[in-house]
N, C-alpha and C. Protein backbone atom coordinates (compact mmCIF):
# COMPACT_ATOMS: atom_id res chain seq x y z
N MET A 1 19.43 -0.35 -7.28
CA MET A 1 18.23 0.24 -7.84
C MET A 1 17.23 0.57 -6.73
N LYS A 2 17.27 -0.15 -5.59
CA LYS A 2 16.31 0.09 -4.52
C LYS A 2 16.71 1.34 -3.74
N PRO A 3 15.76 2.30 -3.57
CA PRO A 3 16.07 3.50 -2.79
C PRO A 3 15.98 3.23 -1.30
N GLU A 4 16.32 4.23 -0.49
CA GLU A 4 16.18 4.09 0.95
C GLU A 4 14.70 4.09 1.31
N LEU A 5 14.30 3.10 2.09
CA LEU A 5 12.90 2.92 2.46
C LEU A 5 12.79 2.66 3.95
N SER A 6 11.59 2.85 4.49
CA SER A 6 11.34 2.44 5.87
C SER A 6 11.46 0.91 5.93
N ALA A 7 11.59 0.38 7.14
CA ALA A 7 11.75 -1.08 7.28
C ALA A 7 10.56 -1.82 6.69
N GLY A 8 9.36 -1.34 6.95
CA GLY A 8 8.17 -2.00 6.41
C GLY A 8 8.11 -1.92 4.90
N ALA A 9 8.43 -0.77 4.35
CA ALA A 9 8.42 -0.59 2.89
C ALA A 9 9.50 -1.43 2.23
N ASP A 10 10.61 -1.60 2.91
CA ASP A 10 11.69 -2.43 2.38
C ASP A 10 11.21 -3.88 2.20
N ARG A 11 10.45 -4.38 3.19
CA ARG A 11 9.91 -5.74 3.08
C ARG A 11 8.89 -5.83 1.95
N VAL A 12 8.08 -4.79 1.78
CA VAL A 12 7.11 -4.77 0.68
C VAL A 12 7.84 -4.78 -0.65
N TRP A 13 8.90 -3.98 -0.76
CA TRP A 13 9.69 -3.94 -2.00
C TRP A 13 10.20 -5.34 -2.34
N ASP A 14 10.77 -6.01 -1.33
CA ASP A 14 11.33 -7.34 -1.57
C ASP A 14 10.27 -8.34 -2.03
N ALA A 15 9.03 -8.13 -1.61
CA ALA A 15 7.96 -9.04 -2.02
C ALA A 15 7.39 -8.68 -3.39
N LEU A 16 7.24 -7.40 -3.69
CA LEU A 16 6.57 -6.98 -4.94
C LEU A 16 7.50 -6.72 -6.12
N ALA A 17 8.71 -6.25 -5.84
CA ALA A 17 9.61 -5.88 -6.95
C ALA A 17 9.89 -7.04 -7.90
N PRO A 18 10.16 -8.25 -7.41
CA PRO A 18 10.42 -9.34 -8.36
C PRO A 18 9.23 -9.63 -9.27
N VAL A 19 8.03 -9.48 -8.75
CA VAL A 19 6.82 -9.71 -9.56
C VAL A 19 6.74 -8.66 -10.65
N CYS A 20 6.93 -7.40 -10.28
CA CYS A 20 6.83 -6.31 -11.26
C CYS A 20 7.97 -6.36 -12.27
N GLU A 21 9.17 -6.71 -11.82
CA GLU A 21 10.29 -6.83 -12.75
C GLU A 21 10.02 -7.94 -13.76
N ALA A 22 9.46 -9.04 -13.30
CA ALA A 22 9.16 -10.15 -14.21
C ALA A 22 8.10 -9.75 -15.25
N MET A 23 7.16 -8.90 -14.84
CA MET A 23 6.13 -8.44 -15.77
C MET A 23 6.63 -7.31 -16.66
N GLY A 24 7.78 -6.74 -16.31
CA GLY A 24 8.33 -5.63 -17.08
C GLY A 24 7.73 -4.29 -16.71
N THR A 25 7.05 -4.21 -15.55
CA THR A 25 6.43 -2.94 -15.15
C THR A 25 7.28 -2.14 -14.18
N LEU A 26 8.38 -2.71 -13.70
CA LEU A 26 9.30 -1.97 -12.82
C LEU A 26 10.64 -1.86 -13.52
N THR A 27 10.98 -0.64 -13.89
CA THR A 27 12.26 -0.35 -14.52
C THR A 27 12.97 0.71 -13.70
N ALA A 28 14.18 1.05 -14.08
CA ALA A 28 14.95 2.08 -13.37
C ALA A 28 14.19 3.41 -13.34
N ALA A 29 13.41 3.69 -14.35
CA ALA A 29 12.65 4.94 -14.41
C ALA A 29 11.50 4.97 -13.42
N ASP A 30 11.11 3.82 -12.91
CA ASP A 30 9.92 3.72 -12.05
C ASP A 30 10.24 3.62 -10.56
N VAL A 31 11.50 3.66 -10.20
CA VAL A 31 11.92 3.36 -8.83
C VAL A 31 11.26 4.27 -7.80
N ARG A 32 11.24 5.57 -8.03
CA ARG A 32 10.68 6.49 -7.04
C ARG A 32 9.17 6.28 -6.86
N VAL A 33 8.46 6.09 -7.94
CA VAL A 33 7.01 5.87 -7.86
C VAL A 33 6.73 4.53 -7.17
N PHE A 34 7.51 3.53 -7.49
CA PHE A 34 7.34 2.22 -6.87
C PHE A 34 7.65 2.30 -5.37
N ALA A 35 8.64 3.11 -5.00
CA ALA A 35 8.96 3.30 -3.58
C ALA A 35 7.77 3.90 -2.84
N THR A 36 7.06 4.82 -3.49
CA THR A 36 5.87 5.40 -2.88
C THR A 36 4.82 4.33 -2.64
N LEU A 37 4.62 3.46 -3.62
CA LEU A 37 3.69 2.34 -3.44
C LEU A 37 4.10 1.49 -2.24
N CYS A 38 5.37 1.20 -2.13
CA CYS A 38 5.86 0.37 -1.02
C CYS A 38 5.63 1.04 0.33
N GLU A 39 5.86 2.34 0.41
CA GLU A 39 5.62 3.06 1.66
C GLU A 39 4.13 3.07 2.00
N LEU A 40 3.28 3.27 1.00
CA LEU A 40 1.84 3.23 1.24
C LEU A 40 1.41 1.85 1.73
N GLN A 41 1.91 0.80 1.09
CA GLN A 41 1.55 -0.56 1.49
C GLN A 41 2.02 -0.85 2.92
N ALA A 42 3.20 -0.35 3.28
CA ALA A 42 3.71 -0.54 4.64
C ALA A 42 2.81 0.17 5.65
N THR A 43 2.33 1.35 5.30
CA THR A 43 1.41 2.07 6.17
C THR A 43 0.11 1.30 6.33
N PHE A 44 -0.39 0.76 5.24
CA PHE A 44 -1.61 -0.05 5.26
C PHE A 44 -1.43 -1.26 6.18
N ILE A 45 -0.31 -1.93 6.06
CA ILE A 45 -0.03 -3.10 6.89
C ILE A 45 0.03 -2.71 8.36
N ALA A 46 0.63 -1.56 8.67
CA ALA A 46 0.70 -1.10 10.05
C ALA A 46 -0.70 -0.83 10.61
N ALA A 47 -1.57 -0.25 9.80
CA ALA A 47 -2.95 0.00 10.24
C ALA A 47 -3.68 -1.31 10.51
N VAL A 48 -3.49 -2.29 9.65
CA VAL A 48 -4.12 -3.59 9.83
C VAL A 48 -3.60 -4.26 11.11
N LYS A 49 -2.30 -4.15 11.35
CA LYS A 49 -1.73 -4.73 12.58
C LYS A 49 -2.34 -4.09 13.82
N GLU A 50 -2.53 -2.78 13.76
CA GLU A 50 -3.14 -2.11 14.91
C GLU A 50 -4.57 -2.60 15.12
N LYS A 51 -5.29 -2.78 14.02
CA LYS A 51 -6.66 -3.30 14.13
C LYS A 51 -6.69 -4.71 14.68
N ASN A 52 -5.65 -5.48 14.43
CA ASN A 52 -5.60 -6.87 14.89
C ASN A 52 -5.10 -7.00 16.32
N ALA A 53 -4.70 -5.90 16.93
CA ALA A 53 -4.19 -5.94 18.30
C ALA A 53 -5.31 -6.34 19.26
N GLU A 54 -4.91 -7.05 20.30
CA GLU A 54 -5.89 -7.49 21.30
C GLU A 54 -6.54 -6.27 21.95
N GLY A 55 -7.85 -6.34 22.10
CA GLY A 55 -8.59 -5.26 22.73
C GLY A 55 -8.94 -4.11 21.80
N PHE A 56 -8.65 -4.26 20.51
CA PHE A 56 -8.95 -3.18 19.57
C PHE A 56 -10.46 -2.98 19.47
N SER A 57 -10.88 -1.74 19.43
CA SER A 57 -12.28 -1.39 19.20
C SER A 57 -12.32 -0.44 18.03
N PRO A 58 -13.25 -0.64 17.09
CA PRO A 58 -13.31 0.26 15.94
C PRO A 58 -13.76 1.68 16.30
N PHE A 59 -14.21 1.86 17.52
CA PHE A 59 -14.68 3.18 17.94
C PHE A 59 -13.98 3.62 19.22
N LEU A 60 -13.72 4.89 19.31
CA LEU A 60 -13.17 5.48 20.52
C LEU A 60 -14.32 6.24 21.19
N VAL A 61 -14.58 5.90 22.42
CA VAL A 61 -15.68 6.53 23.15
C VAL A 61 -15.10 7.36 24.28
N THR A 62 -15.47 8.61 24.32
CA THR A 62 -15.06 9.48 25.41
C THR A 62 -16.32 10.09 26.02
N THR A 63 -16.20 10.41 27.26
CA THR A 63 -17.31 11.05 27.96
C THR A 63 -16.88 12.45 28.38
N MET A 64 -17.72 13.40 28.08
CA MET A 64 -17.43 14.79 28.45
C MET A 64 -18.53 15.26 29.40
N VAL A 65 -18.16 16.08 30.32
CA VAL A 65 -19.12 16.67 31.25
C VAL A 65 -19.18 18.16 30.97
N ASP A 66 -20.39 18.64 30.68
CA ASP A 66 -20.52 20.06 30.39
C ASP A 66 -20.59 20.87 31.69
N SER A 67 -20.69 22.18 31.56
CA SER A 67 -20.67 23.06 32.74
C SER A 67 -21.84 22.83 33.68
N ALA A 68 -22.92 22.24 33.16
CA ALA A 68 -24.10 21.95 34.00
C ALA A 68 -23.98 20.60 34.68
N GLY A 69 -22.88 19.87 34.42
CA GLY A 69 -22.68 18.57 35.03
C GLY A 69 -23.29 17.41 34.26
N ASN A 70 -23.79 17.68 33.04
CA ASN A 70 -24.37 16.63 32.21
C ASN A 70 -23.28 15.91 31.42
N GLU A 71 -23.37 14.59 31.38
CA GLU A 71 -22.40 13.79 30.63
C GLU A 71 -22.85 13.64 29.19
N HIS A 72 -21.89 13.73 28.30
CA HIS A 72 -22.15 13.53 26.87
C HIS A 72 -21.12 12.55 26.34
N MET A 73 -21.61 11.53 25.66
CA MET A 73 -20.70 10.56 25.04
C MET A 73 -20.31 11.04 23.66
N ASN A 74 -19.05 10.89 23.36
CA ASN A 74 -18.53 11.23 22.04
C ASN A 74 -17.95 9.95 21.45
N VAL A 75 -18.48 9.54 20.30
CA VAL A 75 -18.01 8.31 19.66
C VAL A 75 -17.34 8.70 18.35
N LYS A 76 -16.07 8.27 18.20
CA LYS A 76 -15.30 8.54 16.98
C LYS A 76 -14.76 7.24 16.43
N GLU A 77 -14.59 7.24 15.13
CA GLU A 77 -13.97 6.10 14.47
C GLU A 77 -12.50 6.04 14.90
N HIS A 78 -12.01 4.84 15.12
CA HIS A 78 -10.60 4.67 15.50
C HIS A 78 -9.72 5.15 14.35
N PRO A 79 -8.64 5.88 14.64
CA PRO A 79 -7.76 6.38 13.58
C PRO A 79 -7.19 5.29 12.67
N ALA A 80 -6.99 4.07 13.18
CA ALA A 80 -6.46 2.99 12.34
C ALA A 80 -7.45 2.61 11.24
N ILE A 81 -8.74 2.70 11.52
CA ILE A 81 -9.76 2.40 10.50
C ILE A 81 -9.68 3.42 9.38
N LYS A 82 -9.61 4.68 9.77
CA LYS A 82 -9.52 5.76 8.77
C LYS A 82 -8.22 5.66 7.98
N LEU A 83 -7.12 5.39 8.66
CA LEU A 83 -5.83 5.26 7.99
C LEU A 83 -5.86 4.11 6.98
N GLU A 84 -6.42 2.99 7.38
CA GLU A 84 -6.51 1.84 6.47
C GLU A 84 -7.32 2.21 5.22
N ARG A 85 -8.49 2.81 5.42
CA ARG A 85 -9.37 3.17 4.30
C ARG A 85 -8.69 4.18 3.37
N ASN A 86 -8.10 5.23 3.96
CA ASN A 86 -7.47 6.27 3.13
C ASN A 86 -6.24 5.74 2.39
N THR A 87 -5.48 4.89 3.06
CA THR A 87 -4.28 4.34 2.42
C THR A 87 -4.67 3.38 1.29
N ALA A 88 -5.71 2.60 1.50
CA ALA A 88 -6.17 1.69 0.44
C ALA A 88 -6.57 2.49 -0.80
N ALA A 89 -7.26 3.58 -0.59
CA ALA A 89 -7.66 4.42 -1.73
C ALA A 89 -6.45 5.03 -2.42
N ALA A 90 -5.46 5.43 -1.64
CA ALA A 90 -4.24 6.03 -2.22
C ALA A 90 -3.42 4.99 -2.98
N MET A 91 -3.43 3.74 -2.53
CA MET A 91 -2.64 2.69 -3.18
C MET A 91 -3.23 2.24 -4.51
N ARG A 92 -4.54 2.31 -4.64
CA ARG A 92 -5.22 1.75 -5.81
C ARG A 92 -4.60 2.18 -7.14
N PRO A 93 -4.36 3.47 -7.39
CA PRO A 93 -3.77 3.84 -8.68
C PRO A 93 -2.35 3.32 -8.87
N TYR A 94 -1.60 3.18 -7.79
CA TYR A 94 -0.23 2.66 -7.89
C TYR A 94 -0.27 1.18 -8.28
N TYR A 95 -1.19 0.44 -7.68
CA TYR A 95 -1.33 -0.97 -8.05
C TYR A 95 -1.68 -1.10 -9.53
N GLU A 96 -2.54 -0.21 -10.01
CA GLU A 96 -2.92 -0.26 -11.42
C GLU A 96 -1.72 0.08 -12.31
N LYS A 97 -0.95 1.09 -11.92
CA LYS A 97 0.22 1.49 -12.74
C LYS A 97 1.23 0.37 -12.91
N PHE A 98 1.38 -0.45 -11.88
CA PHE A 98 2.38 -1.51 -11.93
C PHE A 98 1.79 -2.87 -12.29
N GLY A 99 0.52 -2.91 -12.69
CA GLY A 99 -0.09 -4.16 -13.12
C GLY A 99 -0.30 -5.15 -12.00
N LEU A 100 -0.50 -4.64 -10.78
CA LEU A 100 -0.66 -5.53 -9.64
C LEU A 100 -2.12 -5.85 -9.33
N GLU A 101 -2.99 -5.53 -10.25
CA GLU A 101 -4.39 -5.93 -10.15
C GLU A 101 -4.90 -6.15 -11.57
N PRO A 102 -5.98 -6.92 -11.74
CA PRO A 102 -6.39 -7.37 -13.08
C PRO A 102 -6.63 -6.25 -14.09
N VAL A 103 -7.32 -5.20 -13.71
CA VAL A 103 -7.61 -4.12 -14.67
C VAL A 103 -6.32 -3.47 -15.13
N GLY A 104 -5.40 -3.24 -14.21
CA GLY A 104 -4.12 -2.64 -14.57
C GLY A 104 -3.33 -3.50 -15.53
N ARG A 105 -3.31 -4.81 -15.27
CA ARG A 105 -2.59 -5.72 -16.17
C ARG A 105 -3.19 -5.70 -17.57
N ALA A 106 -4.50 -5.61 -17.66
CA ALA A 106 -5.16 -5.61 -18.97
C ALA A 106 -4.82 -4.35 -19.77
N ARG A 107 -4.55 -3.25 -19.07
CA ARG A 107 -4.27 -1.98 -19.75
C ARG A 107 -2.80 -1.77 -20.08
N ILE A 108 -1.93 -2.52 -19.44
CA ILE A 108 -0.49 -2.32 -19.62
C ILE A 108 0.01 -3.15 -20.79
N HIS A 109 0.76 -2.48 -21.65
CA HIS A 109 1.39 -3.18 -22.77
C HIS A 109 2.90 -2.95 -22.66
N VAL A 110 3.58 -3.98 -22.22
CA VAL A 110 5.02 -3.90 -22.04
C VAL A 110 5.67 -4.71 -23.16
N LYS A 111 6.63 -4.07 -23.82
CA LYS A 111 7.33 -4.76 -24.90
C LYS A 111 8.18 -5.87 -24.30
N LYS A 112 8.01 -7.07 -24.81
CA LYS A 112 8.78 -8.21 -24.34
C LYS A 112 10.20 -8.12 -24.89
N PRO A 113 11.18 -8.49 -24.08
CA PRO A 113 12.55 -8.48 -24.61
C PRO A 113 12.67 -9.48 -25.76
N GLU A 114 13.40 -9.06 -26.75
CA GLU A 114 13.56 -9.93 -27.93
C GLU A 114 14.51 -11.08 -27.60
N GLU A 115 14.20 -12.23 -28.16
CA GLU A 115 15.04 -13.40 -27.97
C GLU A 115 16.36 -13.16 -28.72
N PRO A 116 17.46 -13.54 -28.12
CA PRO A 116 18.74 -13.40 -28.84
C PRO A 116 18.73 -14.31 -30.09
N VAL A 117 19.37 -13.84 -31.12
CA VAL A 117 19.43 -14.61 -32.36
C VAL A 117 20.36 -15.79 -32.13
N ASN A 118 19.85 -16.98 -32.44
CA ASN A 118 20.61 -18.20 -32.29
C ASN A 118 21.37 -18.42 -33.61
N LYS A 119 22.67 -18.49 -33.53
CA LYS A 119 23.45 -18.66 -34.77
C LYS A 119 23.18 -20.00 -35.44
N TRP A 120 22.57 -20.96 -34.74
CA TRP A 120 22.30 -22.29 -35.30
C TRP A 120 20.90 -22.36 -35.92
N ALA A 121 20.10 -21.30 -35.77
CA ALA A 121 18.72 -21.35 -36.28
C ALA A 121 18.70 -21.29 -37.78
């Protein structure tokens, strides 16, 4: 049932799929959408790892010299910060769809499997 995933997404799948299967929110029909969630989460984790690297600065500072010889500093947000923020926003609806956050769980109604009939009952 698991599709081909990046190495990071594969680890995310192994961590989240059992939870979603137990809740009844991951079925064969949901595999592709769930794979997208796993890839997004893996990207988010990679951004966090980059931020945690030694010497990381949230800003990239470059100095430019114009034609008159004047220096100008250019300060930009580090791409890992932007990637983390954008990926978190992209993941939010997927987490809700699979009941992986409180609001999503409250909105999801999954039919519980019926208990087998006990011939001794």
